[in-house]
Structures are given as C-alpha cells and as structure tokens.
C-alpha cells in the first residue's frame, strides 16, 4: 500500500499502519510498524505500541506503561492521561515518600497537559489532585475551576461534586445535580429522589428511585421499598416492598437486612419465618445497624 512505501521516511505512516494491523488483530505486524515509529520518537507510534502490548494476551503491563510514558513525554494527550492514572494508581505501593512525591508531581504534570487540551477525564482528575494536594499544592479554588470544566464537558461525577461544593440555593446546584443523575451517577440519582421526596412530589421520587433500582443502585432499591412500604407508588404493596428489600440486600445494602428481619418476623409481604428473621437480624447486627444491635435474641 501507499502507506507501506512511506514507512521508512514517515514515522506517522508507520503509526497508522500499526493501528490498522492492531484493529485487524495482526499484532505481529502491528508491533513491527509501531516499533519503527516509536524508535523515531513518534508520540502516536509510542501510544499505539502501548495499546498493542495491552491487547496482547502475553503482553506486559509494565512495558505498556513505559511506552505510554514515552508517548506522554512526547506530548500525546490520551497517553498523558493514561500514564498519569497508572502512576497515581501505583502510589500506595511505594514506601519512599520522596519517590512518591516525585511520581505524583509527574502525574499531575501529565494531567495538566491533557486537561489544557480539553481532556475531560484529565480535567476531573486534576481537580481532585488539587483538592487533595496530591502532587501539587492544595488549592480548592483552582480545583473547582477544573471540576467545573469537566462538568461542562459532561463528566457526571464532576457535575455531582460541583453541585455539592456550591451553595444549595445557587442557580446551578439543581441543574448540575440533575445532569449528573441523568448521567447515571449513583449518588446524584439518590439525591434527586430524596429532593423530590422532600418537595412532596412522591411520584417523581418514585420515578428516580425506580430508575436507580433498574440500574442496580442498592440504596435506590431500598428507598423505593420504603416508599412502597408507606403506600407511595402506583400499585404499591407489601410484597413489592419485600422484593425490593431483598434485592437491595443482595446488592449489599445493609439497612435492608433489618427491614427483611421485620418482614419475616411480622409477616410483611412474606410468610413469617423465624429462621429467616434471625438470619437477617444477625446480618444487620454484623453491619452495625443500631436498632438491630438493641435487640437481644
């Protein structure tokens, strides 16, 4: 092909060929062309070489990281983000405070490069580093600026965190919270449900919790069960509430254990069953449920 003819004189052509062969899962040829490109310090070639290493079932994550670092140092934006996140994920394994500081500063530099080039995930991560003072001097104001940029870029967690950082009466508080919920950020979905519930709009609250339950947010199933238990929601029954408590418990919602104990003890939505009641009471106690702890059985 015409690309093959350009390989010896054009490192980017080698990178493109490497990408094409990688997409075809011909990793041997992909690696050959990626090596040509990365040896000529082509940033895209280094990045593709890292991707090939990660795609290879016998590849090395450490080698992939080294190529990602090389690409990042050469200015590749996605590689800068990926390299930064890998470095940040390794910090807990490092004992030396000096090395940890050096690596965290390097990660922040990579994040800054990607963030200034409109990389939304990098903007969010840079905001978090600034909030925590990780690899950079702690600066809440600068952190908020980067989180706001990520929020504008549609980052759901950034939208939620900005909503939590600004006053409740701020005109952007509720729109940001709703945007984060629409993006399926779990805490935002719960907050929207609770907001509608506190605003005496039970149908809207049920709708949010029901959606949260459908996308398997454990707390949403629990809160929906509590609403059904209180007779709120179309056709709400004790049996429906019980099933939701059970679903929430299976997803790890510890408060649901106590409600299942009450359901089995009193026959709410299910037949009384002392053995099952005891089981869920003990689970509630094991999860430090205050009401459960006060019951002697």
Protein backbone atom coordinates (compact mmCIF):
# COMPACT_ATOMS: atom_id res chain seq x y z
CA UNK A 1 0.00 0.00 0.00
CA UNK A 2 1.00 3.67 -0.28
CA UNK A 3 1.42 3.75 3.50
CA UNK A 4 3.98 0.96 3.34
CA UNK A 5 6.01 3.00 0.87
CA UNK A 6 6.10 5.94 3.29
CA UNK A 7 7.14 3.97 6.39
CA UNK A 8 10.89 4.49 6.06
CA UNK A 9 10.56 8.26 5.71
CA UNK A 10 7.39 8.99 7.67
CA UNK A 11 7.05 7.76 11.26
CA UNK A 12 3.37 8.75 11.37
CA UNK A 13 2.68 6.48 8.40
CA UNK A 14 4.26 3.65 10.39
CA UNK A 15 1.99 4.54 13.33
CA UNK A 16 -1.10 4.41 11.11
CA UNK A 17 -0.10 1.04 9.71
CA UNK A 18 0.47 -0.24 13.22
CA UNK A 19 -3.00 0.96 14.20
CA UNK A 20 -4.60 -0.67 11.15
CA UNK A 21 -2.94 -4.02 11.83
CA UNK A 22 -3.87 -3.77 15.51
CA UNK A 23 -7.51 -3.27 14.55
CA UNK A 24 -7.22 -6.40 12.39
CA UNK A 25 -5.71 -8.21 15.39
CA UNK A 26 -2.50 -8.86 13.48
CA UNK A 27 -0.35 -7.90 16.44
CA UNK A 28 2.91 -9.17 14.95
CA UNK A 29 2.76 -6.74 12.02
CA UNK A 30 1.27 -4.03 14.22
CA UNK A 31 4.17 -4.34 16.63
CA UNK A 32 6.73 -4.19 13.80
CA UNK A 33 5.40 -0.91 12.45
CA UNK A 34 4.79 0.56 15.90
CA UNK A 35 8.41 -0.14 16.79
CA UNK A 36 9.58 1.69 13.68
CA UNK A 37 7.50 4.70 14.73
CA UNK A 38 8.43 4.71 18.40
CA UNK A 39 12.13 4.34 17.61
CA UNK A 40 11.78 7.62 15.72
CA UNK A 41 10.12 9.14 18.80
CA UNK A 42 6.75 9.47 17.15
CA UNK A 43 4.28 10.12 20.03
CA UNK A 44 1.38 8.37 18.30
CA UNK A 45 3.62 5.39 17.49
CA UNK A 46 4.60 5.11 21.17
CA UNK A 47 0.94 5.25 22.17
CA UNK A 48 -0.09 2.58 19.66
CA UNK A 49 2.83 0.41 20.80
CA UNK A 50 1.48 0.64 24.35
CA UNK A 51 -2.01 -0.34 23.17
CA UNK A 52 -0.59 -3.34 21.29
CA UNK A 53 1.19 -4.52 24.43
CA UNK A 54 -2.06 -4.26 26.39
CA UNK A 55 -4.02 -6.10 23.69
CA UNK A 56 -1.54 -8.96 23.51
CA UNK A 57 -2.59 -11.80 25.84
CA UNK A 58 1.10 -12.35 26.60
CA UNK A 59 1.90 -8.64 26.80
CA UNK A 60 3.41 -6.85 29.79
CA UNK A 61 1.54 -4.06 31.56
CA UNK A 62 4.89 -2.65 32.71
CA UNK A 63 6.21 -2.48 29.14
CA UNK A 64 2.92 -0.92 28.05
CA UNK A 65 3.28 1.69 30.79
CA UNK A 66 6.82 2.52 29.67
CA UNK A 67 5.63 3.14 26.10
CA UNK A 68 2.69 5.16 27.45
CA UNK A 69 5.14 7.26 29.47
CA UNK A 70 7.30 7.78 26.39
CA UNK A 71 4.25 8.91 24.41
CA UNK A 72 3.19 11.21 27.24
CA UNK A 73 6.62 12.82 27.45
CA UNK A 74 6.40 13.43 23.70
CA UNK A 75 3.09 15.23 24.20
CA UNK A 76 0.43 12.64 23.30
CA UNK A 77 -2.74 13.75 25.10
CA UNK A 78 -4.51 10.43 25.76
CA UNK A 79 -1.21 8.83 26.71
CA UNK A 80 -0.60 11.68 29.16
CA UNK A 81 -3.89 10.92 30.89
CA UNK A 82 -3.37 7.14 30.87
CA UNK A 83 0.20 7.40 32.15
CA UNK A 84 -0.86 9.79 34.92
CA UNK A 85 -3.64 7.49 36.11
CA UNK A 86 -1.33 4.47 36.11
CA UNK A 87 1.23 6.37 38.18
CA UNK A 88 -1.41 7.60 40.64
CA UNK A 89 -2.73 4.05 40.98
CA UNK A 90 0.72 2.81 41.96
CA UNK A 91 1.43 5.38 44.68
CA UNK A 92 0.05 3.25 47.53
CA UNK A 93 2.59 0.53 46.74
CA UNK A 94 5.56 2.91 47.10
CA UNK A 95 7.22 3.19 50.50
CA UNK A 96 9.63 6.06 49.82
CA UNK A 97 7.96 9.42 50.49
CA UNK A 98 10.50 11.13 48.20
CA UNK A 99 9.79 8.82 45.25
CA UNK A 100 6.05 9.02 45.90
CA UNK A 101 6.19 12.82 45.79
CA UNK A 102 8.27 12.80 42.61
CA UNK A 103 5.90 10.43 40.84
CA UNK A 104 2.76 12.27 41.97
CA UNK A 105 4.23 15.53 40.65
CA UNK A 106 4.97 13.82 37.34
CA UNK A 107 1.39 12.52 37.19
CA UNK A 108 0.00 15.99 37.81
CA UNK A 109 2.16 17.42 35.01
CA UNK A 110 0.74 14.83 32.62
CA UNK A 111 -2.80 15.61 33.80
CA UNK A 112 -2.23 19.33 33.29
CA UNK A 113 -1.11 18.70 29.71
CA UNK A 114 -4.19 16.61 28.93
CA UNK A 115 -6.56 18.88 30.86
CA UNK A 116 -5.45 22.00 28.99
CA UNK A 117 -6.21 20.12 25.76
CA UNK A 118 -9.84 19.60 26.80
CA UNK A 119 -9.45 16.01 28.03
CA UNK A 120 -12.49 15.84 30.31
CA UNK A 121 -11.34 12.89 32.45
CA UNK A 122 -7.99 14.61 32.98
CA UNK A 123 -9.75 17.83 33.98
CA UNK A 124 -11.69 15.92 36.63
CA UNK A 125 -8.63 14.07 37.92
CA UNK A 126 -6.58 17.28 38.03
CA UNK A 127 -9.36 18.91 40.05
CA UNK A 128 -9.24 16.02 42.51
CA UNK A 129 -5.44 16.28 42.83
CA UNK A 130 -5.78 19.99 43.58
CA UNK A 131 -8.47 19.31 46.18
CA UNK A 132 -6.31 16.71 47.92
CA UNK A 133 -2.95 18.40 47.43
CA UNK A 134 -1.68 15.32 45.61
CA UNK A 135 1.44 16.13 43.60
CA UNK A 136 0.57 19.81 43.75
CA UNK A 137 -0.15 22.44 46.39
CA UNK A 138 -3.71 22.13 47.65
CA UNK A 139 -5.90 24.78 46.04
CA UNK A 140 -9.67 24.48 46.44
CA UNK A 141 -10.40 27.39 44.13
CA UNK A 142 -8.29 26.02 41.28
CA UNK A 143 -9.77 22.57 41.93
CA UNK A 144 -13.28 23.96 41.50
CA UNK A 145 -12.27 25.60 38.21
CA UNK A 146 -11.10 22.28 36.75
CA UNK A 147 -14.08 20.38 38.14
CA UNK A 148 -16.39 22.96 36.56
CA UNK A 149 -14.63 22.48 33.21
CA UNK A 150 -15.08 18.72 33.49
CA UNK A 151 -18.73 19.25 34.45
CA UNK A 152 -19.26 21.41 31.37
CA UNK A 153 -17.73 18.58 29.36
CA UNK A 154 -20.42 16.22 30.63
CA UNK A 155 -18.44 14.40 33.36
CA UNK A 156 -21.16 13.06 35.68
CA UNK A 157 -19.08 12.79 38.85
CA UNK A 158 -17.68 16.28 38.28
CA UNK A 159 -21.23 17.60 37.86
CA UNK A 160 -22.20 15.98 41.16
CA UNK A 161 -19.15 17.22 43.05
CA UNK A 162 -19.53 20.78 41.79
CA UNK A 163 -23.19 20.66 42.84
CA UNK A 164 -22.06 19.59 46.32
CA UNK A 165 -19.40 22.30 46.50
CA UNK A 166 -21.65 25.24 45.61
CA UNK A 167 -24.47 26.54 47.87
CA UNK A 168 -27.80 24.73 47.66
CA UNK A 169 -29.52 27.96 46.61
CA UNK A 170 -27.03 28.52 43.76
CA UNK A 171 -28.94 28.59 40.43
CA UNK A 172 -26.69 25.83 39.04
CA UNK A 173 -26.99 23.46 42.01
CA UNK A 174 -30.10 21.59 40.91
CA UNK A 175 -29.34 21.58 37.15
CA UNK A 176 -25.90 20.11 37.84
CA UNK A 177 -27.35 17.52 40.19
CA UNK A 178 -29.95 16.52 37.62
CA UNK A 179 -27.35 16.36 34.84
CA UNK A 180 -25.22 14.04 37.00
CA UNK A 181 -28.28 11.89 37.73
CA UNK A 182 -29.17 11.76 34.03
CA UNK A 183 -25.60 10.52 33.53
CA UNK A 184 -26.35 7.67 35.98
CA UNK A 185 -24.03 8.88 38.73
CA UNK A 186 -25.43 6.86 41.67
CA UNK A 187 -25.28 9.49 44.42
CA UNK A 188 -26.89 12.06 42.15
CA UNK A 189 -29.77 9.69 41.32
CA UNK A 190 -30.37 9.19 45.05
CA UNK A 191 -30.15 12.93 45.75
CA UNK A 192 -32.72 13.70 43.05
CA UNK A 193 -35.08 11.10 44.51
CA UNK A 194 -34.67 12.49 48.02
CA UNK A 195 -35.08 16.04 46.75
CA UNK A 196 -38.40 15.17 45.08
CA UNK A 197 -39.50 13.28 48.18
CA UNK A 198 -38.73 16.25 50.44
CA UNK A 199 -40.50 18.53 47.97
CA UNK A 200 -43.69 16.48 48.44
CA UNK A 201 -43.58 15.07 44.90
CA UNK A 202 -43.74 11.33 45.64
CA UNK A 203 -44.42 10.28 42.03
CA UNK A 204 -41.23 11.99 40.86
CA UNK A 205 -39.30 10.49 43.78
CA UNK A 206 -40.58 7.02 42.94
CA UNK A 207 -39.55 7.53 39.31
CA UNK A 208 -35.96 8.40 40.31
CA UNK A 209 -35.68 5.52 42.78
CA UNK A 210 -37.22 3.12 40.28
CA UNK A 211 -34.67 4.13 37.68
CA UNK A 212 -31.90 3.76 40.26
CA UNK A 213 -33.22 0.31 41.05
CA UNK A 214 -33.17 -0.61 37.35
CA UNK A 215 -29.50 0.36 37.06
CA UNK A 216 -28.76 -1.58 40.25
CA UNK A 217 -28.05 1.16 42.75
CA UNK A 218 -28.60 -0.73 46.04
CA UNK A 219 -29.75 2.30 48.05
CA UNK A 220 -32.30 3.19 45.35
CA UNK A 221 -33.93 -0.23 45.72
CA UNK A 222 -34.04 0.26 49.48
CA UNK A 223 -35.55 3.76 49.34
CA UNK A 224 -38.08 2.64 46.75
CA UNK A 225 -39.01 -0.24 49.05
CA UNK A 226 -39.55 2.20 51.93
CA UNK A 227 -41.84 4.31 49.74
CA UNK A 228 -43.80 1.24 48.65
CA UNK A 229 -43.99 0.15 52.26
CA UNK A 230 -45.56 3.52 53.04
CA UNK A 231 -48.12 3.09 50.29
CA UNK A 232 -46.46 5.53 47.87
CA UNK A 233 -46.21 4.49 44.24
CA UNK A 234 -48.68 3.05 41.75
CA UNK A 235 -50.00 -0.28 42.98
CA UNK A 236 -47.50 -0.36 45.85
CA UNK A 237 -47.87 -3.47 48.00
CA UNK A 238 -46.07 -5.02 50.96
CA UNK A 239 -45.00 -7.87 48.68
CA UNK A 240 -43.37 -5.42 46.24
CA UNK A 241 -41.63 -3.71 49.14
CA UNK A 242 -40.34 -7.06 50.41
CA UNK A 243 -38.94 -7.99 46.99
CA UNK A 244 -37.16 -4.66 46.77
CA UNK A 245 -35.72 -5.04 50.27
CA UNK A 246 -34.44 -8.43 49.20
CA UNK A 247 -32.92 -7.03 46.01
CA UNK A 248 -31.23 -4.24 47.96
CA UNK A 249 -29.84 -6.74 50.49
CA UNK A 250 -28.47 -8.95 47.70
CA UNK A 251 -26.68 -5.87 46.31
CA UNK A 252 -25.10 -5.20 49.70
CA UNK A 253 -27.43 -2.56 51.17
CA UNK A 254 -27.01 -3.25 54.89
CA UNK A 255 -30.10 -1.31 56.08
CA UNK A 256 -32.22 -3.73 54.06
CA UNK A 257 -31.18 -6.56 56.39
CA UNK A 258 -33.10 -5.05 59.27
CA UNK A 259 -36.21 -4.49 57.17
CA UNK A 260 -36.07 -8.08 56.00
CA UNK A 261 -35.83 -9.15 59.63
CA UNK A 262 -39.01 -7.18 60.39
CA UNK A 263 -40.73 -8.56 57.29
CA UNK A 264 -40.03 -12.18 58.24
CA UNK A 265 -40.80 -11.55 61.92
CA UNK A 266 -44.13 -9.82 61.33
CA UNK A 267 -45.15 -11.38 58.02
CA UNK A 268 -44.96 -8.15 55.98
CA UNK A 269 -45.18 -9.11 52.33
CA UNK A 270 -43.94 -12.63 53.07
CA UNK A 271 -44.84 -15.52 55.37
CA UNK A 272 -43.48 -15.35 58.90
CA UNK A 273 -40.25 -17.29 59.21
CA UNK A 274 -38.33 -17.21 62.46
CA UNK A 275 -35.18 -18.77 60.98
CA UNK A 276 -35.01 -16.20 58.17
CA UNK A 277 -35.81 -13.38 60.61
CA UNK A 278 -32.89 -14.42 62.81
CA UNK A 279 -30.60 -14.67 59.79
CA UNK A 280 -31.29 -11.09 58.70
CA UNK A 281 -31.19 -9.74 62.24
CA UNK A 282 -27.72 -11.20 62.65
CA UNK A 283 -26.65 -9.73 59.31
CA UNK A 284 -27.96 -6.33 60.40
CA UNK A 285 -26.05 -6.58 63.67
CA UNK A 286 -22.88 -7.61 61.83
CA UNK A 287 -23.25 -4.43 59.80
CA UNK A 288 -23.62 -2.26 62.92
CA UNK A 289 -27.31 -1.45 62.50
CA UNK A 290 -28.25 0.46 65.68
CA UNK A 291 -31.82 -0.82 66.03
CA UNK A 292 -30.70 -4.38 65.38
CA UNK A 293 -27.94 -4.07 67.99
CA UNK A 294 -30.53 -3.17 70.63
CA UNK A 295 -32.47 -6.42 70.06
CA UNK A 296 -31.46 -9.38 72.19
CA UNK A 297 -32.10 -12.73 70.51
